[in-house]
Amino acid sequence: MERLTWTEVLDAMAAGKTTIIIPTGGTEQNGPHMAIGKHNVRVAANAEAIARRLGNALVAPVVAYTPEGSIDPAAGHMRFPGTISIPDPVFRASARIQRRGA
C-alpha cells in the first residue's frame, strides 16, 4: 500500500479491497547472528502472503517500533544496543486507526 498513490488505493477499494492488514514488527536484538530488523522483514512478507490469500486486502507499512521493555531500568530487549521501544500506552493508542474511505 505504501507504494500506491491515493488514487490507486481508491481504485483498489472500488475493485473490492475492503481490508487493510497493519503488520507490527519490532526493532530489537535477535542474538548476535541476526539483524535487528528481522521481525519487520518477516511480518511484511507474511502480511503480503495473507493479503494474497484473502484477495480483498491491502497491506499497510510495517509498524517497526513496538514495546520492547522498560527503558529505565533497562529490561527485556532494551538491555541490548540497537533496540528501539515505544511505551505500551503509546502503542495501544496507535491501534485506534482512523480510516478515510470512498
Foldseek 3Di string as FASTA:
>chain_A
DVVDDVVVVQVLVVVQQDEEAAAEFFQFDDDPPDHSQVRQVVRVVVVVVVCVVVVRYDYDHYRHEEAQADVVVGDGRNVDPGGHYDDHVVVVVVVPDDDDHD
